[in-house]
């Protein structure tokens, strides 16, 4: 198993709008295609104006396949057009659970 951490640093004051757009439309599309939704978070201390999502996949290959399927969807591309003006920078990481992690390896 792998976990993808996606951090979106949004322009100051735009975080509530981004969270609303994900809540109203984005998460449903992602969950349908990606599965493995662990959670979505905002930052209270540290790099503020950050939206973080965590997605679990059984393998890198599964992640690549699901992400490609997501990118091919017209409704997802339309959603991206709505959120891209809010995003300043993005950072993605792949996390590999330790053998003693509750979510396994």
PDB file of N, CA and C in Angstrom:
ATOM      1  N   UNK A   1       0.841  -1.186   0.000  1.00  0.00           N
ATOM      2  CA  UNK A   1       0.000   0.000   0.000  1.00  0.00           C
ATOM      3  C   UNK A   1       0.878   1.239   0.000  1.00  0.00           C
ATOM      4  N   UNK A   2       0.375   2.278  -0.692  1.00  0.00           N
ATOM      5  CA  UNK A   2       1.002   3.594  -0.650  1.00  0.00           C
ATOM      6  C   UNK A   2      -0.067   4.620  -0.321  1.00  0.00           C
ATOM      7  N   UNK A   3       0.361   5.757   0.205  1.00  0.00           N
ATOM      8  CA  UNK A   3      -0.539   6.873   0.490  1.00  0.00           C
ATOM      9  C   UNK A   3      -0.003   8.086  -0.242  1.00  0.00           C
ATOM     10  N   UNK A   4      -0.878   8.730  -0.988  1.00  0.00           N
ATOM     11  CA  UNK A   4      -0.492   9.957  -1.663  1.00  0.00           C
ATOM     12  C   UNK A   4      -0.994  11.137  -0.848  1.00  0.00           C
ATOM     13  N   UNK A   5      -0.088  12.032  -0.522  1.00  0.00           N
ATOM     14  CA  UNK A   5      -0.426  13.275   0.171  1.00  0.00           C
ATOM     15  C   UNK A   5      -0.356  14.387  -0.862  1.00  0.00           C
ATOM     16  N   UNK A   6      -1.455  15.100  -1.023  1.00  0.00           N
ATOM     17  CA  UNK A   6      -1.512  16.211  -1.974  1.00  0.00           C
ATOM     18  C   UNK A   6      -1.804  17.483  -1.181  1.00  0.00           C
ATOM     19  N   UNK A   7      -0.871  18.428  -1.229  1.00  0.00           N
ATOM     20  CA  UNK A   7      -1.013  19.712  -0.534  1.00  0.00           C
ATOM     21  C   UNK A   7      -1.240  20.809  -1.564  1.00  0.00           C
ATOM     22  N   UNK A   8      -2.320  21.539  -1.385  1.00  0.00           N
ATOM     23  CA  UNK A   8      -2.628  22.680  -2.242  1.00  0.00           C
ATOM     24  C   UNK A   8      -2.525  23.933  -1.395  1.00  0.00           C
ATOM     25  N   UNK A   9      -1.581  24.799  -1.732  1.00  0.00           N
ATOM     26  CA  UNK A   9      -1.411  26.074  -1.039  1.00  0.00           C
ATOM     27  C   UNK A   9      -2.196  27.099  -1.850  1.00  0.00           C
ATOM     28  N   UNK A  10      -3.237  27.647  -1.244  1.00  0.00           N
ATOM     29  CA  UNK A  10      -4.126  28.544  -1.965  1.00  0.00           C
ATOM     30  C   UNK A  10      -3.821  30.000  -1.620  1.00  0.00           C
ATOM     31  N   UNK A  11      -4.302  30.874  -2.455  1.00  0.00           N
ATOM     32  CA  UNK A  11      -4.115  32.297  -2.200  1.00  0.00           C
ATOM     33  C   UNK A  11      -4.837  32.678  -0.908  1.00  0.00           C
ATOM     34  N   UNK A  12      -4.249  33.600  -0.178  1.00  0.00           N
ATOM     35  CA  UNK A  12      -4.805  34.036   1.102  1.00  0.00           C
ATOM     36  C   UNK A  12      -6.264  34.436   0.938  1.00  0.00           C
ATOM     37  N   UNK A  13      -7.084  33.891   1.827  1.00  0.00           N
ATOM     38  CA  UNK A  13      -8.501  34.192   1.824  1.00  0.00           C
ATOM     39  C   UNK A  13      -9.341  33.271   0.943  1.00  0.00           C
ATOM     40  N   UNK A  14      -8.706  32.396   0.166  1.00  0.00           N
ATOM     41  CA  UNK A  14      -9.425  31.536  -0.783  1.00  0.00           C
ATOM     42  C   UNK A  14      -9.657  30.114  -0.267  1.00  0.00           C
ATOM     43  N   UNK A  15      -9.120  29.773   0.894  1.00  0.00           N
ATOM     44  CA  UNK A  15      -9.265  28.414   1.410  1.00  0.00           C
ATOM     45  C   UNK A  15     -10.724  28.003   1.622  1.00  0.00           C
ATOM     46  N   UNK A  16     -11.565  28.841   2.228  1.00  0.00           N
ATOM     47  CA  UNK A  16     -12.966  28.436   2.392  1.00  0.00           C
ATOM     48  C   UNK A  16     -13.657  28.123   1.063  1.00  0.00           C
ATOM     49  N   UNK A  17     -13.341  28.876   0.031  1.00  0.00           N
ATOM     50  CA  UNK A  17     -13.936  28.631  -1.285  1.00  0.00           C
ATOM     51  C   UNK A  17     -13.461  27.287  -1.853  1.00  0.00           C
ATOM     52  N   UNK A  18     -12.178  26.998  -1.725  1.00  0.00           N
ATOM     53  CA  UNK A  18     -11.649  25.723  -2.217  1.00  0.00           C
ATOM     54  C   UNK A  18     -12.279  24.553  -1.475  1.00  0.00           C
ATOM     55  N   UNK A  19     -12.367  24.657  -0.168  1.00  0.00           N
ATOM     56  CA  UNK A  19     -12.980  23.588   0.632  1.00  0.00           C
ATOM     57  C   UNK A  19     -14.437  23.393   0.220  1.00  0.00           C
ATOM     58  N   UNK A  20     -15.160  24.465   0.008  1.00  0.00           N
ATOM     59  CA  UNK A  20     -16.557  24.374  -0.417  1.00  0.00           C
ATOM     60  C   UNK A  20     -16.683  23.683  -1.773  1.00  0.00           C
ATOM     61  N   UNK A  21     -15.822  24.046  -2.712  1.00  0.00           N
ATOM     62  CA  UNK A  21     -15.879  23.429  -4.040  1.00  0.00           C
ATOM     63  C   UNK A  21     -15.597  21.930  -3.969  1.00  0.00           C
ATOM     64  N   UNK A  22     -14.608  21.552  -3.169  1.00  0.00           N
ATOM     65  CA  UNK A  22     -14.348  20.120  -2.992  1.00  0.00           C
ATOM     66  C   UNK A  22     -15.537  19.433  -2.333  1.00  0.00           C
ATOM     67  N   UNK A  23     -16.086  20.038  -1.295  1.00  0.00           N
ATOM     68  CA  UNK A  23     -17.215  19.431  -0.580  1.00  0.00           C
ATOM     69  C   UNK A  23     -18.426  19.277  -1.492  1.00  0.00           C
ATOM     70  N   UNK A  24     -18.687  20.277  -2.320  1.00  0.00           N
ATOM     71  CA  UNK A  24     -19.863  20.261  -3.181  1.00  0.00           C
ATOM     72  C   UNK A  24     -19.708  19.352  -4.395  1.00  0.00           C
ATOM     73  N   UNK A  25     -18.504  19.273  -4.962  1.00  0.00           N
ATOM     74  CA  UNK A  25     -18.336  18.575  -6.232  1.00  0.00           C
ATOM     75  C   UNK A  25     -17.111  17.660  -6.314  1.00  0.00           C
ATOM     76  N   UNK A  26     -15.971  18.153  -5.907  1.00  0.00           N
ATOM     77  CA  UNK A  26     -14.716  17.457  -6.174  1.00  0.00           C
ATOM     78  C   UNK A  26     -14.545  16.106  -5.509  1.00  0.00           C
ATOM     79  N   UNK A  27     -14.831  16.028  -4.230  1.00  0.00           N
ATOM     80  CA  UNK A  27     -14.597  14.779  -3.498  1.00  0.00           C
ATOM     81  C   UNK A  27     -15.451  13.643  -4.048  1.00  0.00           C
ATOM     82  N   UNK A  28     -16.680  13.921  -4.407  1.00  0.00           N
ATOM     83  CA  UNK A  28     -17.552  12.865  -4.947  1.00  0.00           C
ATOM     84  C   UNK A  28     -16.967  12.270  -6.226  1.00  0.00           C
ATOM     85  N   UNK A  29     -16.461  13.120  -7.097  1.00  0.00           N
ATOM     86  CA  UNK A  29     -15.856  12.637  -8.343  1.00  0.00           C
ATOM     87  C   UNK A  29     -14.615  11.812  -8.021  1.00  0.00           C
ATOM     88  N   UNK A  30     -13.767  12.346  -7.152  1.00  0.00           N
ATOM     89  CA  UNK A  30     -12.530  11.642  -6.796  1.00  0.00           C
ATOM     90  C   UNK A  30     -12.818  10.291  -6.149  1.00  0.00           C
ATOM     91  N   UNK A  31     -13.747  10.252  -5.210  1.00  0.00           N
ATOM     92  CA  UNK A  31     -14.045   8.998  -4.524  1.00  0.00           C
ATOM     93  C   UNK A  31     -14.567   7.942  -5.492  1.00  0.00           C
ATOM     94  N   UNK A  32     -15.378   8.361  -6.449  1.00  0.00           N
ATOM     95  CA  UNK A  32     -15.909   7.426  -7.429  1.00  0.00           C
ATOM     96  C   UNK A  32     -14.789   6.768  -8.243  1.00  0.00           C
ATOM     97  N   UNK A  33     -13.773   7.535  -8.600  1.00  0.00           N
ATOM     98  CA  UNK A  33     -12.711   7.035  -9.465  1.00  0.00           C
ATOM     99  C   UNK A  33     -11.525   6.487  -8.668  1.00  0.00           C
ATOM    100  N   UNK A  34     -11.083   7.231  -7.661  1.00  0.00           N
ATOM    101  CA  UNK A  34      -9.860   6.880  -6.954  1.00  0.00           C
ATOM    102  C   UNK A  34     -10.073   5.858  -5.848  1.00  0.00           C
ATOM    103  N   UNK A  35     -11.210   5.952  -5.142  1.00  0.00           N
ATOM    104  CA  UNK A  35     -11.387   5.121  -3.958  1.00  0.00           C
ATOM    105  C   UNK A  35     -10.305   5.476  -2.944  1.00  0.00           C
ATOM    106  N   UNK A  36     -10.219   4.767  -1.880  1.00  0.00           N
ATOM    107  CA  UNK A  36      -9.119   4.922  -0.930  1.00  0.00           C
ATOM    108  C   UNK A  36      -8.990   6.284  -0.272  1.00  0.00           C
ATOM    109  N   UNK A  37     -10.082   7.009  -0.140  1.00  0.00           N
ATOM    110  CA  UNK A  37     -10.021   8.335   0.476  1.00  0.00           C
ATOM    111  C   UNK A  37      -9.792   8.181   1.976  1.00  0.00           C
ATOM    112  N   UNK A  38      -8.672   8.728   2.453  1.00  0.00           N
ATOM    113  CA  UNK A  38      -8.329   8.661   3.872  1.00  0.00           C
ATOM    114  C   UNK A  38      -8.846   9.888   4.600  1.00  0.00           C
ATOM    115  N   UNK A  39      -8.704  11.045   3.983  1.00  0.00           N
ATOM    116  CA  UNK A  39      -9.199  12.252   4.618  1.00  0.00           C
ATOM    117  C   UNK A  39      -8.728  13.516   3.927  1.00  0.00           C
ATOM    118  N   UNK A  40      -9.373  14.619   4.266  1.00  0.00           N
ATOM    119  CA  UNK A  40      -9.000  15.944   3.786  1.00  0.00           C
ATOM    120  C   UNK A  40      -8.853  16.849   4.996  1.00  0.00           C
ATOM    121  N   UNK A  41      -7.890  17.749   4.929  1.00  0.00           N
ATOM    122  CA  UNK A  41      -7.521  18.559   6.089  1.00  0.00           C
ATOM    123  C   UNK A  41      -7.174  19.977   5.663  1.00  0.00           C
ATOM    124  N   UNK A  42      -7.333  20.911   6.589  1.00  0.00           N
ATOM    125  CA  UNK A  42      -6.778  22.250   6.430  1.00  0.00           C
ATOM    126  C   UNK A  42      -5.747  22.444   7.533  1.00  0.00           C
ATOM    127  N   UNK A  43      -4.859  23.385   7.332  1.00  0.00           N
ATOM    128  CA  UNK A  43      -3.770  23.611   8.281  1.00  0.00           C
ATOM    129  C   UNK A  43      -4.152  24.685   9.283  1.00  0.00           C
ATOM    130  N   UNK A  44      -3.983  24.361  10.575  1.00  0.00           N
ATOM    131  CA  UNK A  44      -4.278  25.304  11.645  1.00  0.00           C
ATOM    132  C   UNK A  44      -3.007  25.978  12.146  1.00  0.00           C
ATOM    133  N   UNK A  45      -1.904  25.250  12.117  1.00  0.00           N
ATOM    134  CA  UNK A  45      -0.600  25.780  12.527  1.00  0.00           C
ATOM    135  C   UNK A  45       0.404  25.367  11.464  1.00  0.00           C
ATOM    136  N   UNK A  46       1.263  26.274  11.063  1.00  0.00           N
ATOM    137  CA  UNK A  46       2.251  25.967  10.033  1.00  0.00           C
ATOM    138  C   UNK A  46       1.944  26.739   8.769  1.00  0.00           C
ATOM    139  N   UNK A  47       2.105  26.073   7.625  1.00  0.00           N
ATOM    140  CA  UNK A  47       1.844  26.714   6.331  1.00  0.00           C
ATOM    141  C   UNK A  47       0.332  26.883   6.170  1.00  0.00           C
ATOM    142  N   UNK A  48      -0.154  28.062   6.505  1.00  0.00           N
ATOM    143  CA  UNK A  48      -1.591  28.325   6.457  1.00  0.00           C
ATOM    144  C   UNK A  48      -2.082  28.381   5.015  1.00  0.00           C
ATOM    145  N   UNK A  49      -3.391  28.426   4.852  1.00  0.00           N
ATOM    146  CA  UNK A  49      -4.029  28.432   3.536  1.00  0.00           C
ATOM    147  C   UNK A  49      -3.653  27.183   2.742  1.00  0.00           C
ATOM    148  N   UNK A  50      -3.623  26.049   3.443  1.00  0.00           N
ATOM    149  CA  UNK A  50      -3.262  24.783   2.805  1.00  0.00           C
ATOM    150  C   UNK A  50      -4.389  23.777   2.969  1.00  0.00           C
ATOM    151  N   UNK A  51      -4.728  23.125   1.857  1.00  0.00           N
ATOM    152  CA  UNK A  51      -5.693  22.037   1.819  1.00  0.00           C
ATOM    153  C   UNK A  51      -4.905  20.767   1.518  1.00  0.00           C
ATOM    154  N   UNK A  52      -5.028  19.768   2.365  1.00  0.00           N
ATOM    155  CA  UNK A  52      -4.299  18.513   2.203  1.00  0.00           C
ATOM    156  C   UNK A  52      -5.292  17.366   2.084  1.00  0.00           C
ATOM    157  N   UNK A  53      -5.050  16.500   1.105  1.00  0.00           N
ATOM    158  CA  UNK A  53      -5.853  15.279   1.009  1.00  0.00           C
ATOM    159  C   UNK A  53      -4.920  14.076   1.007  1.00  0.00           C
ATOM    160  N   UNK A  54      -5.415  12.986   1.571  1.00  0.00           N
ATOM    161  CA  UNK A  54      -4.667  11.728   1.631  1.00  0.00           C
ATOM    162  C   UNK A  54      -5.483  10.651   0.934  1.00  0.00           C
ATOM    163  N   UNK A  55      -4.820   9.928   0.030  1.00  0.00           N
ATOM    164  CA  UNK A  55      -5.459   8.879  -0.764  1.00  0.00           C
ATOM    165  C   UNK A  55      -4.620   7.614  -0.685  1.00  0.00           C
ATOM    166  N   UNK A  56      -5.258   6.495  -0.379  1.00  0.00           N
ATOM    167  CA  UNK A  56      -4.561   5.220  -0.293  1.00  0.00           C
ATOM    168  C   UNK A  56      -4.754   4.405  -1.565  1.00  0.00           C
ATOM    169  N   UNK A  57      -3.698   3.742  -1.986  1.00  0.00           N
ATOM    170  CA  UNK A  57      -3.710   2.889  -3.173  1.00  0.00           C
ATOM    171  C   UNK A  57      -2.991   1.584  -2.850  1.00  0.00           C
ATOM    172  N   UNK A  58      -3.404   0.498  -3.477  1.00  0.00           N
ATOM    173  CA  UNK A  58      -2.708  -0.763  -3.232  1.00  0.00           C
ATOM    174  C   UNK A  58      -1.304  -0.803  -3.842  1.00  0.00           C
ATOM    175  N   UNK A  59      -1.045   0.048  -4.860  1.00  0.00           N
ATOM    176  CA  UNK A  59       0.263   0.042  -5.529  1.00  0.00           C
ATOM    177  C   UNK A  59       0.432   1.324  -6.341  1.00  0.00           C
ATOM    178  N   UNK A  60       1.664   1.557  -6.810  1.00  0.00           N
ATOM    179  CA  UNK A  60       1.920   2.686  -7.699  1.00  0.00           C
ATOM    180  C   UNK A  60       1.133   2.518  -8.996  1.00  0.00           C
ATOM    181  N   UNK A  61       1.082   1.301  -9.504  1.00  0.00           N
ATOM    182  CA  UNK A  61       0.367   1.037 -10.755  1.00  0.00           C
ATOM    183  C   UNK A  61      -1.114   1.375 -10.618  1.00  0.00           C
ATOM    184  N   UNK A  62      -1.721   1.001  -9.496  1.00  0.00           N
ATOM    185  CA  UNK A  62      -3.132   1.319  -9.267  1.00  0.00           C
ATOM    186  C   UNK A  62      -3.323   2.823  -9.205  1.00  0.00           C
ATOM    187  N   UNK A  63      -2.401   3.525  -8.542  1.00  0.00           N
ATOM    188  CA  UNK A  63      -2.483   4.985  -8.470  1.00  0.00           C
ATOM    189  C   UNK A  63      -2.420   5.587  -9.869  1.00  0.00           C
ATOM    190  N   UNK A  64      -1.442   5.164 -10.657  1.00  0.00           N
ATOM    191  CA  UNK A  64      -1.284   5.706 -12.010  1.00  0.00           C
ATOM    192  C   UNK A  64      -2.535   5.469 -12.852  1.00  0.00           C
ATOM    193  N   UNK A  65      -3.089   4.281 -12.773  1.00  0.00           N
ATOM    194  CA  UNK A  65      -4.284   3.942 -13.550  1.00  0.00           C
ATOM    195  C   UNK A  65      -5.485   4.782 -13.115  1.00  0.00           C
ATOM    196  N   UNK A  66      -5.701   4.892 -11.821  1.00  0.00           N
ATOM    197  CA  UNK A  66      -6.853   5.647 -11.321  1.00  0.00           C
ATOM    198  C   UNK A  66      -6.720   7.141 -11.598  1.00  0.00           C
ATOM    199  N   UNK A  67      -5.502   7.679 -11.440  1.00  0.00           N
ATOM    200  CA  UNK A  67      -5.285   9.100 -11.715  1.00  0.00           C
ATOM    201  C   UNK A  67      -5.499   9.395 -13.199  1.00  0.00           C
ATOM    202  N   UNK A  68      -5.068   8.503 -14.077  1.00  0.00           N
ATOM    203  CA  UNK A  68      -5.276   8.688 -15.519  1.00  0.00           C
ATOM    204  C   UNK A  68      -6.770   8.667 -15.849  1.00  0.00           C
ATOM    205  N   UNK A  69      -7.507   7.763 -15.224  1.00  0.00           N
ATOM    206  CA  UNK A  69      -8.954   7.693 -15.431  1.00  0.00           C
ATOM    207  C   UNK A  69      -9.614   8.984 -14.963  1.00  0.00           C
ATOM    208  N   UNK A  70      -9.181   9.500 -13.814  1.00  0.00           N
ATOM    209  CA  UNK A  70      -9.736  10.750 -13.291  1.00  0.00           C
ATOM    210  C   UNK A  70      -9.478  11.899 -14.262  1.00  0.00           C
ATOM    211  N   UNK A  71      -8.239  12.011 -14.748  1.00  0.00           N
ATOM    212  CA  UNK A  71      -7.878  13.108 -15.654  1.00  0.00           C
ATOM    213  C   UNK A  71      -8.646  13.053 -16.968  1.00  0.00           C
ATOM    214  N   UNK A  72      -9.121  11.878 -17.358  1.00  0.00           N
ATOM    215  CA  UNK A  72      -9.858  11.720 -18.619  1.00  0.00           C
ATOM    216  C   UNK A  72     -11.323  12.127 -18.504  1.00  0.00           C
ATOM    217  N   UNK A  73     -11.813  12.306 -17.297  1.00  0.00           N
ATOM    218  CA  UNK A  73     -13.236  12.630 -17.103  1.00  0.00           C
ATOM    219  C   UNK A  73     -13.508  14.102 -17.367  1.00  0.00           C
ATOM    220  N   UNK A  74     -14.534  14.355 -18.135  1.00  0.00           N
ATOM    221  CA  UNK A  74     -14.909  15.732 -18.454  1.00  0.00           C
ATOM    222  C   UNK A  74     -15.358  16.505 -17.209  1.00  0.00           C
ATOM    223  N   UNK A  75     -16.114  15.847 -16.317  1.00  0.00           N
ATOM    224  CA  UNK A  75     -16.573  16.550 -15.113  1.00  0.00           C
ATOM    225  C   UNK A  75     -15.402  16.927 -14.210  1.00  0.00           C
ATOM    226  N   UNK A  76     -14.359  16.105 -14.175  1.00  0.00           N
ATOM    227  CA  UNK A  76     -13.177  16.432 -13.378  1.00  0.00           C
ATOM    228  C   UNK A  76     -12.410  17.598 -14.004  1.00  0.00           C
ATOM    229  N   UNK A  77     -12.272  17.574 -15.324  1.00  0.00           N
ATOM    230  CA  UNK A  77     -11.573  18.674 -15.999  1.00  0.00           C
ATOM    231  C   UNK A  77     -12.319  19.989 -15.793  1.00  0.00           C
ATOM    232  N   UNK A  78     -13.650  19.934 -15.803  1.00  0.00           N
ATOM    233  CA  UNK A  78     -14.451  21.141 -15.543  1.00  0.00           C
ATOM    234  C   UNK A  78     -14.247  21.617 -14.106  1.00  0.00           C
ATOM    235  N   UNK A  79     -14.137  20.675 -13.170  1.00  0.00           N
ATOM    236  CA  UNK A  79     -13.876  21.034 -11.778  1.00  0.00           C
ATOM    237  C   UNK A  79     -12.515  21.715 -11.640  1.00  0.00           C
ATOM    238  N   UNK A  80     -11.498  21.175 -12.314  1.00  0.00           N
ATOM    239  CA  UNK A  80     -10.159  21.762 -12.246  1.00  0.00           C
ATOM    240  C   UNK A  80     -10.145  23.206 -12.734  1.00  0.00           C
ATOM    241  N   UNK A  81     -10.905  23.495 -13.761  1.00  0.00           N
ATOM    242  CA  UNK A  81     -10.993  24.869 -14.273  1.00  0.00           C
ATOM    243  C   UNK A  81     -11.494  25.807 -13.180  1.00  0.00           C
ATOM    244  N   UNK A  82     -12.370  25.325 -12.331  1.00  0.00           N
ATOM    245  CA  UNK A  82     -12.933  26.150 -11.257  1.00  0.00           C
ATOM    246  C   UNK A  82     -11.960  26.362 -10.097  1.00  0.00           C
ATOM    247  N   UNK A  83     -11.128  25.354  -9.792  1.00  0.00           N
ATOM    248  CA  UNK A  83     -10.245  25.487  -8.619  1.00  0.00           C
ATOM    249  C   UNK A  83      -8.855  26.026  -8.949  1.00  0.00           C
ATOM    250  N   UNK A  84      -8.387  25.849 -10.170  1.00  0.00           N
ATOM    251  CA  UNK A  84      -7.023  26.264 -10.495  1.00  0.00           C
ATOM    252  C   UNK A  84      -6.718  27.733 -10.206  1.00  0.00           C
ATOM    253  N   UNK A  85      -7.655  28.670 -10.424  1.00  0.00           N
ATOM    254  CA  UNK A  85      -7.343  30.069 -10.089  1.00  0.00           C
ATOM    255  C   UNK A  85      -7.140  30.316  -8.591  1.00  0.00           C
ATOM    256  N   UNK A  86      -7.589  29.396  -7.744  1.00  0.00           N
ATOM    257  CA  UNK A  86      -7.447  29.552  -6.299  1.00  0.00           C
ATOM    258  C   UNK A  86      -6.111  29.046  -5.778  1.00  0.00           C
ATOM    259  N   UNK A  87      -5.445  28.192  -6.550  1.00  0.00           N
ATOM    260  CA  UNK A  87      -4.249  27.486  -6.084  1.00  0.00           C
ATOM    261  C   UNK A  87      -2.978  28.243  -6.452  1.00  0.00           C
ATOM    262  N   UNK A  88      -2.157  28.463  -5.437  1.00  0.00           N
ATOM    263  CA  UNK A  88      -0.872  29.131  -5.626  1.00  0.00           C
ATOM    264  C   UNK A  88       0.204  28.114  -5.994  1.00  0.00           C
ATOM    265  N   UNK A  89       0.350  27.060  -5.189  1.00  0.00           N
ATOM    266  CA  UNK A  89       1.317  25.994  -5.460  1.00  0.00           C
ATOM    267  C   UNK A  89       0.731  24.662  -5.006  1.00  0.00           C
ATOM    268  N   UNK A  90       1.336  23.601  -5.501  1.00  0.00           N
ATOM    269  CA  UNK A  90       0.911  22.248  -5.140  1.00  0.00           C
ATOM    270  C   UNK A  90       2.153  21.401  -4.867  1.00  0.00           C
ATOM    271  N   UNK A  91       2.015  20.498  -3.906  1.00  0.00           N
ATOM    272  CA  UNK A  91       3.094  19.555  -3.601  1.00  0.00           C
ATOM    273  C   UNK A  91       2.469  18.189  -3.364  1.00  0.00           C
ATOM    274  N   UNK A  92       3.025  17.168  -3.995  1.00  0.00           N
ATOM    275  CA  UNK A  92       2.549  15.796  -3.820  1.00  0.00           C
ATOM    276  C   UNK A  92       3.673  14.957  -3.241  1.00  0.00           C
ATOM    277  N   UNK A  93       3.300  14.030  -2.369  1.00  0.00           N
ATOM    278  CA  UNK A  93       4.265  13.080  -1.815  1.00  0.00           C
ATOM    279  C   UNK A  93       3.627  11.701  -1.800  1.00  0.00           C
ATOM    280  N   UNK A  94       4.447  10.690  -2.000  1.00  0.00           N
ATOM    281  CA  UNK A  94       4.000   9.314  -1.831  1.00  0.00           C
ATOM    282  C   UNK A  94       4.588   8.815  -0.522  1.00  0.00           C
ATOM    283  N   UNK A  95       3.717   8.378   0.374  1.00  0.00           N
ATOM    284  CA  UNK A  95       4.121   7.880   1.685  1.00  0.00           C
ATOM    285  C   UNK A  95       3.980   6.357   1.686  1.00  0.00           C
ATOM    286  N   UNK A  96       4.960   5.682   2.250  1.00  0.00           N
ATOM    287  CA  UNK A  96       4.949   4.230   2.345  1.00  0.00           C
ATOM    288  C   UNK A  96       4.814   3.885   3.827  1.00  0.00           C
ATOM    289  N   UNK A  97       3.698   3.225   4.211  1.00  0.00           N
ATOM    290  CA  UNK A  97       3.501   2.918   5.625  1.00  0.00           C
ATOM    291  C   UNK A  97       4.576   1.966   6.171  1.00  0.00           C
ATOM    292  N   UNK A  98       4.939   2.179   7.408  1.00  0.00           N
ATOM    293  CA  UNK A  98       5.839   1.258   8.087  1.00  0.00           C
ATOM    294  C   UNK A  98       5.099  -0.049   8.388  1.00  0.00           C
ATOM    295  N   UNK A  99       5.823  -1.120   8.637  1.00  0.00           N
ATOM    296  CA  UNK A  99       5.159  -2.395   8.952  1.00  0.00           C
ATOM    297  C   UNK A  99       4.240  -2.328  10.173  1.00  0.00           C
ATOM    298  N   UNK A 100       4.533  -1.413  11.096  1.00  0.00           N
ATOM    299  CA  UNK A 100       3.712  -1.319  12.317  1.00  0.00           C
ATOM    300  C   UNK A 100       2.636  -0.245  12.227  1.00  0.00           C
ATOM    301  N   UNK A 101       2.460   0.373  11.058  1.00  0.00           N
ATOM    302  CA  UNK A 101       1.417   1.384  10.868  1.00  0.00           C
ATOM    303  C   UNK A 101       0.044   0.708  10.884  1.00  0.00           C
ATOM    304  N   UNK A 102      -0.961   1.350  11.487  1.00  0.00           N
ATOM    305  CA  UNK A 102      -2.308   0.771  11.513  1.00  0.00           C
ATOM    306  C   UNK A 102      -2.895   0.497  10.126  1.00  0.00           C
ATOM    307  N   UNK A 103      -2.472   1.242   9.105  1.00  0.00           N
ATOM    308  CA  UNK A 103      -3.021   1.003   7.770  1.00  0.00           C
ATOM    309  C   UNK A 103      -2.216  -0.014   6.977  1.00  0.00           C
ATOM    310  N   UNK A 104      -1.166  -0.562   7.549  1.00  0.00           N
ATOM    311  CA  UNK A 104      -0.416  -1.647   6.915  1.00  0.00           C
ATOM    312  C   UNK A 104       0.563  -1.179   5.866  1.00  0.00           C
ATOM    313  N   UNK A 105       1.197  -2.142   5.275  1.00  0.00           N
ATOM    314  CA  UNK A 105       2.184  -1.844   4.246  1.00  0.00           C
ATOM    315  C   UNK A 105       1.836  -2.529   2.957  1.00  0.00           C
TER     316      UNK A 105
END
